Amino acid sequence: MTLSHSIPWSGHLGKYKTLARVGSRFSWPNIYTDITDFVRTCPECQLTSGKAVPRAPLHPLPIIDKPFTVIGMDIVGPLDRSKRGNRYILVMCDYATRYPEAFPLKNIKARQVANCLVQLFTRVGVPREIVTDQGTNFMSVLLKQVYSLLGVKAIKTTPYHPQTDGLVERFNRTLKTMLRRFVSQTGSDWDEWLPYLLFAYREVPQASTGISPFELLYGRQVRGPLDLLKDMWEEPKSVQQNVATYVLQMRQRLEEMSELAHQNMELAQKRQKTWYDLNARGRTFKPGQKVLLLLPTEESKLLAKWHGPYEVIKKVGDVTYEVSMPDRGKKKQTFHINLLKEYHHRDQVGTQLFVRAVAEEEEADEQFFPVEPNTCDCGPVTPGAPSAGPGEGAAGP
């Protein structure tokens, strides 16, 4: 089986081609099972397989009702350096209203991130939780101190699984698309367009809530360019209203919109889970089980390959596992199950090649060179044996 699958002349082909190669020459009981197990446990094939593992069923995040109690945060960049020297965008999104904020930054050091957080907190209040990836700027000691002083709980996503913070990741993609359509050819004015593009995003209803982020946060529709045009064509209606009455109506309107948004998000989550789970399959791993881990290559973060085998330490969540990696910088790390696949161990069986070793023999010179005349290495003559005739190297009478 090794000769039919693992050597270069066999090419590490699949089980059917390997079975066809062996079956045309040999046969034995359980040949199909033996070859299937042999190909399935091939270490090289498991590490280089391009077949994707079945994804786990979708686990929807809890629905947040109060604005800016949970926010997601991420960094876009590096981008082309703007005229003001900015190269990055710090993006924040509210999980309840989908209301986004974006801050252009010259660098992404922890102090700059902390200053932007303080600016946001002064406008909307201090959140209870902040969801980020495991970037060094978000894991710094300075931010941990800020979180501790303000009573903020930091939630980290698992490595190489941006779907955990999908709200921010989706907004990042939309923001970059809008920027590409408005920036100049040099790309040095992208930070000047940010306020206008943020307004455009906040004004329109979201697919998951059915209400615009601005209206869900402030309880009224924002007055934009189309409203200005409408006011120019129509005479504005002047309605005088008591402040207390306005506050009560606004509070009632916010409660109604919050309940409507909650219902819409529940429907959106059910619809997304239904479509996502069509090709999903539940998988589990046990502590001590060997697995392979899908990680980006050192050459490019866009290319990934399987590494391992590594050992599962414990199950952290419904779809997350802590994995032991002795050969990497972080010896223990938590990963999503979509980045893991089972490693099939092959029992080491000695390979016997039925080839007989032949001792090397010294070749006789007379096989290749003529014998000199009058010389013969005939040895002693046995009594009674016929003597050599004339011309055959024998002595005369």
Protein backbone atom coordinates (compact mmCIF):
# COMPACT_ATOMS: atom_id res chain seq x y z
CA MET A 1 0.00 0.00 0.00
CA THR A 2 2.92 2.32 0.62
CA LEU A 3 4.18 1.72 -2.92
CA SER A 4 0.72 2.35 -4.34
CA HIS A 5 0.09 5.64 -2.49
CA SER A 6 3.01 7.31 -0.70
CA ILE A 7 5.97 7.23 -3.07
CA PRO A 8 6.44 9.92 -5.76
CA TRP A 9 5.49 7.45 -8.50
CA SER A 10 2.09 7.04 -6.80
CA GLY A 11 1.41 10.73 -6.12
CA HIS A 12 -0.65 10.49 -2.89
CA LEU A 13 -3.86 10.01 -4.87
CA GLY A 14 -7.24 9.29 -3.26
CA LYS A 15 -8.60 5.98 -2.09
CA TYR A 16 -10.41 5.11 -5.32
CA LYS A 17 -7.37 5.61 -7.55
CA THR A 18 -5.17 3.80 -5.06
CA LEU A 19 -7.65 0.92 -4.91
CA ALA A 20 -7.74 0.77 -8.71
CA ARG A 21 -3.93 0.66 -8.85
CA VAL A 22 -3.66 -2.15 -6.27
CA GLY A 23 -6.79 -4.09 -7.27
CA SER A 24 -5.60 -4.57 -10.82
CA ARG A 25 -2.59 -6.51 -9.54
CA PHE A 26 -3.37 -7.94 -6.08
CA SER A 27 -6.30 -9.05 -4.00
CA TRP A 28 -6.86 -10.01 -0.36
CA PRO A 29 -9.75 -10.02 2.13
CA ASN A 30 -10.86 -6.53 3.26
CA ILE A 31 -8.79 -4.83 0.58
CA TYR A 32 -11.24 -1.90 0.35
CA THR A 33 -11.22 -1.29 4.12
CA ASP A 34 -7.44 -1.56 4.39
CA ILE A 35 -6.76 0.88 1.56
CA THR A 36 -9.43 3.31 2.80
CA ASP A 37 -7.88 3.38 6.29
CA PHE A 38 -4.39 3.68 4.85
CA VAL A 39 -5.28 6.72 2.72
CA ARG A 40 -7.38 8.29 5.52
CA THR A 41 -4.48 8.08 7.99
CA CYS A 42 -1.82 9.38 5.60
CA PRO A 43 -0.08 12.28 7.46
CA GLU A 44 0.91 14.13 4.29
CA CYS A 45 -2.61 13.97 2.83
CA GLN A 46 -4.19 15.20 6.07
CA LEU A 47 -1.88 18.22 6.32
CA THR A 48 -2.24 19.27 2.68
CA SER A 49 -5.87 18.39 2.04
CA GLY A 50 -7.83 21.18 0.36
CA LYS A 51 -11.17 19.76 1.42
CA ALA A 52 -12.92 22.10 3.86
CA VAL A 53 -14.21 20.70 7.12
CA PRO A 54 -17.99 20.95 7.70
CA ARG A 55 -18.79 24.13 9.60
CA ALA A 56 -20.52 24.03 12.94
CA PRO A 57 -24.16 25.16 13.29
CA LEU A 58 -24.63 28.87 13.84
CA HIS A 59 -24.92 30.11 17.43
CA PRO A 60 -26.67 33.52 17.39
CA LEU A 61 -25.41 36.17 19.78
CA PRO A 62 -27.71 37.50 22.50
CA ILE A 63 -29.94 40.38 21.37
CA ILE A 64 -29.04 43.67 23.08
CA ASP A 65 -31.89 46.08 23.79
CA LYS A 66 -30.22 49.05 25.55
CA PRO A 67 -28.10 51.31 23.35
CA PHE A 68 -24.34 51.33 23.92
CA THR A 69 -24.27 48.68 26.62
CA VAL A 70 -22.26 46.40 24.31
CA ILE A 71 -20.07 47.76 21.52
CA GLY A 72 -17.72 46.12 19.04
CA MET A 73 -14.36 47.65 18.14
CA ASP A 74 -11.88 47.01 15.34
CA ILE A 75 -9.20 48.76 13.30
CA VAL A 76 -9.17 49.26 9.53
CA GLY A 77 -5.80 49.75 7.87
CA PRO A 78 -3.11 50.54 7.15
CA LEU A 79 -4.54 52.77 4.41
CA ASP A 80 -2.84 55.32 2.18
CA ARG A 81 -1.44 58.13 4.25
CA SER A 82 -3.83 61.08 4.12
CA LYS A 83 -2.89 64.75 3.94
CA ARG A 84 -3.35 64.93 7.71
CA GLY A 85 -1.05 61.98 8.28
CA ASN A 86 -3.75 59.43 9.15
CA ARG A 87 -3.35 55.79 8.13
CA TYR A 88 -5.87 53.88 10.26
CA ILE A 89 -9.56 53.99 11.21
CA LEU A 90 -10.77 52.96 14.64
CA VAL A 91 -14.30 51.63 14.14
CA MET A 92 -16.91 51.13 16.88
CA CYS A 93 -20.46 49.80 16.50
CA ASP A 94 -23.31 49.58 18.98
CA TYR A 95 -24.88 46.13 19.08
CA ALA A 96 -28.35 47.43 20.00
CA THR A 97 -28.85 50.22 17.45
CA ARG A 98 -26.12 49.39 14.86
CA TYR A 99 -24.95 52.99 15.30
CA PRO A 100 -21.33 53.32 14.04
CA GLU A 101 -18.47 55.62 15.01
CA ALA A 102 -15.14 55.98 13.22
CA PHE A 103 -11.99 57.83 14.26
CA PRO A 104 -9.05 58.44 11.88
CA LEU A 105 -5.69 57.70 13.54
CA LYS A 106 -2.06 58.28 12.69
CA ASN A 107 -1.02 55.18 14.63
CA ILE A 108 -2.78 52.42 16.53
CA LYS A 109 -0.97 52.58 19.83
CA ALA A 110 -2.97 51.86 22.97
CA ARG A 111 -2.92 55.49 24.10
CA GLN A 112 -4.56 56.66 20.86
CA VAL A 113 -7.24 53.97 21.18
CA ALA A 114 -7.91 54.95 24.79
CA ASN A 115 -8.34 58.63 23.82
CA CYS A 116 -10.95 57.71 21.20
CA LEU A 117 -12.80 55.57 23.72
CA VAL A 118 -12.97 58.49 26.15
CA GLN A 119 -14.40 60.71 23.41
CA LEU A 120 -17.11 58.14 22.70
CA PHE A 121 -17.91 57.63 26.38
CA THR A 122 -18.45 61.35 26.91
CA ARG A 123 -21.20 61.30 24.26
CA VAL A 124 -23.01 58.00 24.80
CA GLY A 125 -21.92 56.79 28.23
CA VAL A 126 -19.72 53.93 29.40
CA PRO A 127 -20.64 50.50 28.00
CA ARG A 128 -20.71 47.31 30.01
CA GLU A 129 -18.85 45.16 27.46
CA ILE A 130 -16.48 45.79 24.54
CA VAL A 131 -15.90 43.08 21.94
CA THR A 132 -12.51 43.10 20.17
CA ASP A 133 -10.10 40.73 18.53
CA GLN A 134 -6.82 39.73 20.18
CA GLY A 135 -4.72 42.51 18.64
CA THR A 136 -1.83 43.79 20.73
CA ASN A 137 -3.27 47.30 20.83
CA PHE A 138 -6.48 45.96 22.39
CA MET A 139 -4.67 43.67 24.84
CA SER A 140 -2.31 46.31 26.25
CA VAL A 141 -1.91 47.04 29.94
CA LEU A 142 -3.16 50.61 29.42
CA LEU A 143 -6.52 49.52 28.03
CA LYS A 144 -6.88 46.91 30.74
CA GLN A 145 -6.41 49.66 33.32
CA VAL A 146 -8.99 51.86 31.58
CA TYR A 147 -11.48 48.98 31.52
CA SER A 148 -10.83 48.24 35.18
CA LEU A 149 -11.35 51.87 36.26
CA LEU A 150 -14.59 52.22 34.27
CA GLY A 151 -15.99 48.77 35.02
CA VAL A 152 -15.91 47.59 31.40
CA LYS A 153 -15.68 43.89 30.61
CA ALA A 154 -13.40 43.04 27.68
CA ILE A 155 -14.61 40.18 25.45
CA LYS A 156 -12.04 38.65 23.09
CA THR A 157 -12.88 36.84 19.90
CA THR A 158 -11.15 33.59 19.01
CA PRO A 159 -8.13 33.90 16.67
CA TYR A 160 -8.73 33.85 12.90
CA HIS A 161 -12.51 33.76 13.33
CA PRO A 162 -13.86 37.27 12.59
CA GLN A 163 -17.45 36.01 12.47
CA THR A 164 -17.58 36.42 16.25
CA ASP A 165 -17.49 40.20 15.79
CA GLY A 166 -19.44 40.07 12.54
CA LEU A 167 -21.26 43.39 13.13
CA VAL A 168 -18.05 45.42 13.00
CA GLU A 169 -16.49 43.30 10.25
CA ARG A 170 -19.54 43.83 8.03
CA PHE A 171 -19.49 47.58 8.64
CA ASN A 172 -15.77 47.67 7.83
CA ARG A 173 -16.45 46.15 4.44
CA THR A 174 -19.27 48.62 3.75
CA LEU A 175 -17.15 51.57 4.86
CA LYS A 176 -14.20 50.59 2.66
CA THR A 177 -16.53 50.18 -0.32
CA MET A 178 -17.96 53.68 0.19
CA LEU A 179 -14.49 55.18 0.62
CA ARG A 180 -13.29 53.68 -2.68
CA ARG A 181 -16.13 55.43 -4.50
CA PHE A 182 -15.39 58.89 -3.15
CA VAL A 183 -11.67 59.24 -2.55
CA SER A 184 -9.44 60.92 -5.10
CA GLN A 185 -7.04 59.05 -7.33
CA THR A 186 -4.21 59.55 -4.85
CA GLY A 187 -6.33 58.35 -1.94
CA SER A 188 -4.99 61.07 0.34
CA ASP A 189 -8.36 62.60 1.24
CA TRP A 190 -10.16 59.56 2.63
CA ASP A 191 -10.35 60.95 6.19
CA GLU A 192 -12.21 64.05 4.91
CA TRP A 193 -15.08 61.85 3.68
CA LEU A 194 -15.59 59.92 6.91
CA PRO A 195 -18.20 62.25 8.54
CA TYR A 196 -20.38 62.27 5.42
CA LEU A 197 -20.21 58.51 4.92
CA LEU A 198 -21.04 57.88 8.56
CA PHE A 199 -24.12 60.10 8.19
CA ALA A 200 -25.17 58.14 5.11
CA TYR A 201 -24.90 54.83 6.96
CA ARG A 202 -26.76 56.06 10.06
CA GLU A 203 -29.65 57.47 8.03
CA VAL A 204 -30.89 54.34 6.26
CA PRO A 205 -32.72 51.41 7.91
CA GLN A 206 -30.73 48.27 8.69
CA ALA A 207 -31.76 44.88 7.37
CA SER A 208 -31.70 43.24 10.80
CA THR A 209 -33.61 45.92 12.76
CA GLY A 210 -35.74 47.50 10.04
CA ILE A 211 -35.00 50.93 11.55
CA SER A 212 -32.17 53.38 10.91
CA PRO A 213 -29.45 53.56 13.61
CA PHE A 214 -30.09 57.29 14.12
CA GLU A 215 -33.82 56.84 14.66
CA LEU A 216 -33.33 53.86 16.95
CA LEU A 217 -30.90 55.86 19.09
CA TYR A 218 -32.57 59.29 19.17
CA GLY A 219 -36.20 58.40 18.51
CA ARG A 220 -36.60 60.62 15.46
CA GLN A 221 -35.57 60.69 11.85
CA VAL A 222 -32.46 62.64 11.03
CA ARG A 223 -32.88 65.72 8.85
CA GLY A 224 -30.78 65.19 5.76
CA PRO A 225 -30.35 66.61 2.24
CA LEU A 226 -33.64 65.15 1.01
CA ASP A 227 -35.49 66.80 3.91
CA LEU A 228 -33.91 70.14 3.01
CA LEU A 229 -35.12 69.74 -0.56
CA LYS A 230 -38.59 68.78 0.61
CA ASP A 231 -38.77 71.85 2.88
CA MET A 232 -37.86 74.08 -0.05
CA TRP A 233 -40.78 72.69 -2.06
CA GLU A 234 -43.27 72.66 0.78
CA GLU A 235 -44.11 75.20 3.40
CA PRO A 236 -42.82 74.02 6.79
CA LYS A 237 -45.54 73.22 9.31
CA SER A 238 -45.09 75.03 12.58
CA VAL A 239 -46.40 72.95 15.45
CA GLN A 240 -45.91 74.25 18.94
CA GLN A 241 -45.61 71.55 21.55
CA ASN A 242 -44.94 71.45 25.26
CA VAL A 243 -41.49 70.20 26.23
CA ALA A 244 -42.89 67.70 28.73
CA THR A 245 -45.31 66.35 26.15
CA TYR A 246 -42.51 66.03 23.63
CA VAL A 247 -40.37 64.09 26.11
CA LEU A 248 -43.20 61.69 26.93
CA GLN A 249 -43.98 61.09 23.28
CA MET A 250 -40.31 60.58 22.51
CA ARG A 251 -39.95 58.04 25.31
CA GLN A 252 -42.99 56.13 24.11
CA ARG A 253 -41.71 56.19 20.55
CA LEU A 254 -38.30 54.85 21.63
CA GLU A 255 -39.93 52.00 23.54
CA GLU A 256 -42.06 51.06 20.54
CA MET A 257 -39.11 51.18 18.15
CA SER A 258 -36.93 49.19 20.55
CA GLU A 259 -39.55 46.45 20.76
CA LEU A 260 -39.99 46.45 16.98
CA ALA A 261 -36.23 46.27 16.44
CA HIS A 262 -35.99 43.36 18.88
CA GLN A 263 -38.63 41.43 16.97
CA ASN A 264 -36.98 42.16 13.64
CA MET A 265 -33.59 41.02 14.93
CA GLU A 266 -35.08 37.77 16.21
CA LEU A 267 -36.60 37.10 12.79
CA ALA A 268 -33.33 38.02 11.07
CA GLN A 269 -31.35 35.67 13.32
CA LYS A 270 -33.73 32.78 12.65
CA ARG A 271 -33.56 33.41 8.91
CA GLN A 272 -29.76 33.59 8.94
CA LYS A 273 -29.43 30.45 11.04
CA THR A 274 -31.77 28.53 8.74
CA TRP A 275 -29.67 29.32 5.67
CA TYR A 276 -26.33 28.91 7.47
CA ASP A 277 -27.17 25.51 8.94
CA LEU A 278 -28.11 23.97 5.59
CA ASN A 279 -24.50 22.81 5.10
CA ALA A 280 -23.53 22.72 8.78
CA ARG A 281 -22.83 19.63 10.87
CA GLY A 282 -22.29 19.32 14.59
CA ARG A 283 -18.86 18.05 15.66
CA THR A 284 -17.23 17.54 19.05
CA PHE A 285 -13.76 16.75 20.34
CA LYS A 286 -12.69 15.10 23.59
CA PRO A 287 -9.81 16.16 25.87
CA GLY A 288 -6.63 14.44 24.74
CA GLN A 289 -7.82 13.98 21.16
CA LYS A 290 -5.39 14.85 18.36
CA VAL A 291 -6.50 17.55 15.92
CA LEU A 292 -5.11 19.59 13.03
CA LEU A 293 -5.33 23.41 13.15
CA LEU A 294 -5.95 25.69 10.16
CA LEU A 295 -3.69 28.75 10.46
CA PRO A 296 -2.36 31.42 8.04
CA THR A 297 1.05 30.75 6.57
CA GLU A 298 4.11 32.77 7.48
CA GLU A 299 4.36 34.07 3.90
CA SER A 300 0.81 35.44 3.65
CA LYS A 301 -2.09 35.93 6.06
CA LEU A 302 -4.49 35.28 3.18
CA LEU A 303 -3.20 31.74 2.68
CA ALA A 304 -3.89 29.07 5.27
CA LYS A 305 -2.75 25.50 5.74
CA TRP A 306 -3.14 22.76 8.31
CA HIS A 307 -0.68 22.49 11.19
CA GLY A 308 -0.20 19.85 13.82
CA PRO A 309 -1.16 17.43 15.11
CA TYR A 310 -1.98 19.15 18.42
CA GLU A 311 -3.83 17.96 21.49
CA VAL A 312 -7.20 19.20 22.75
CA ILE A 313 -6.98 20.29 26.40
CA LYS A 314 -10.60 21.08 27.18
CA LYS A 315 -13.87 22.36 25.77
CA VAL A 316 -14.28 26.08 26.55
CA GLY A 317 -17.65 26.87 24.95
CA ASP A 318 -20.22 25.27 22.70
CA VAL A 319 -17.95 25.60 19.65
CA THR A 320 -14.56 26.59 21.14
CA TYR A 321 -11.71 24.42 22.38
CA GLU A 322 -8.42 25.06 24.13
CA VAL A 323 -5.55 23.47 22.22
CA SER A 324 -2.00 22.69 23.37
CA MET A 325 0.67 23.83 20.87
CA PRO A 326 4.17 23.14 22.27
CA ASP A 327 5.96 24.28 19.10
CA ARG A 328 4.41 27.79 19.00
CA GLY A 329 4.84 30.99 20.99
CA LYS A 330 1.55 30.61 22.87
CA LYS A 331 1.57 27.09 24.27
CA LYS A 332 -2.19 27.12 24.92
CA GLN A 333 -4.81 28.96 22.90
CA THR A 334 -8.56 28.81 22.29
CA PHE A 335 -9.86 28.23 18.74
CA HIS A 336 -13.23 27.89 17.04
CA ILE A 337 -14.17 24.39 15.96
CA ASN A 338 -14.33 25.48 12.30
CA LEU A 339 -10.53 25.77 12.40
CA LEU A 340 -10.06 22.25 13.76
CA LYS A 341 -10.35 18.81 12.21
CA GLU A 342 -9.73 15.35 13.57
CA TYR A 343 -6.27 13.85 13.06
CA HIS A 344 -6.34 10.15 12.14
CA HIS A 345 -3.34 8.38 13.63
CA ARG A 346 -1.76 5.52 11.73
CA ASP A 347 -0.32 2.59 13.63
CA GLN A 348 3.31 2.11 12.74
CA VAL A 349 3.67 -1.16 10.90
CA GLY A 350 7.05 -2.40 9.74
CA THR A 351 7.42 -2.49 5.96
CA GLN A 352 9.07 -5.58 4.49
CA LEU A 353 10.43 -5.53 0.99
CA PHE A 354 10.88 -9.08 -0.33
CA VAL A 355 14.22 -8.53 -2.05
CA ARG A 356 17.07 -11.02 -1.66
CA ALA A 357 20.48 -9.56 -1.02
CA VAL A 358 23.17 -11.02 -3.30
CA ALA A 359 26.76 -11.05 -2.13
CA GLU A 360 29.12 -9.24 -4.44
CA GLU A 361 31.43 -11.64 -6.27
CA GLU A 362 34.80 -10.88 -7.73
CA GLU A 363 34.79 -11.41 -11.46
CA ALA A 364 37.44 -13.61 -13.00
CA ASP A 365 39.94 -11.85 -15.25
CA GLU A 366 39.97 -14.65 -17.79
CA GLN A 367 36.38 -13.90 -18.67
CA PHE A 368 37.47 -10.65 -20.22
CA PHE A 369 41.18 -11.04 -21.05
CA PRO A 370 42.88 -13.78 -23.18
CA VAL A 371 45.19 -16.22 -21.44
CA GLU A 372 48.86 -15.68 -22.23
CA PRO A 373 50.51 -18.55 -24.16
CA ASN A 374 52.56 -21.18 -22.27
CA THR A 375 50.81 -20.28 -19.02
CA CYS A 376 48.14 -22.29 -17.39
CA ASP A 377 46.95 -22.37 -13.87
CA CYS A 378 45.63 -25.87 -14.03
CA GLY A 379 46.72 -27.12 -10.62
CA PRO A 380 47.99 -30.65 -9.88
CA VAL A 381 47.12 -33.42 -12.30
CA THR A 382 45.03 -36.20 -10.87
CA PRO A 383 46.45 -39.73 -11.52
CA GLY A 384 44.59 -41.48 -14.25
CA ALA A 385 43.24 -38.31 -15.70
CA PRO A 386 43.81 -37.73 -19.42
CA SER A 387 46.57 -35.30 -20.14
CA ALA A 388 46.17 -32.28 -22.36
CA GLY A 389 47.00 -32.75 -25.99
CA PRO A 390 49.46 -30.78 -28.03
CA GLY A 391 48.53 -27.22 -28.61
CA GLU A 392 46.54 -27.11 -25.39
CA GLY A 393 49.33 -25.83 -23.19
CA ALA A 394 50.57 -29.31 -22.07
CA ALA A 395 54.26 -30.29 -22.02
CA GLY A 396 55.63 -32.57 -24.80
CA PRO A 397 56.65 -36.26 -24.29
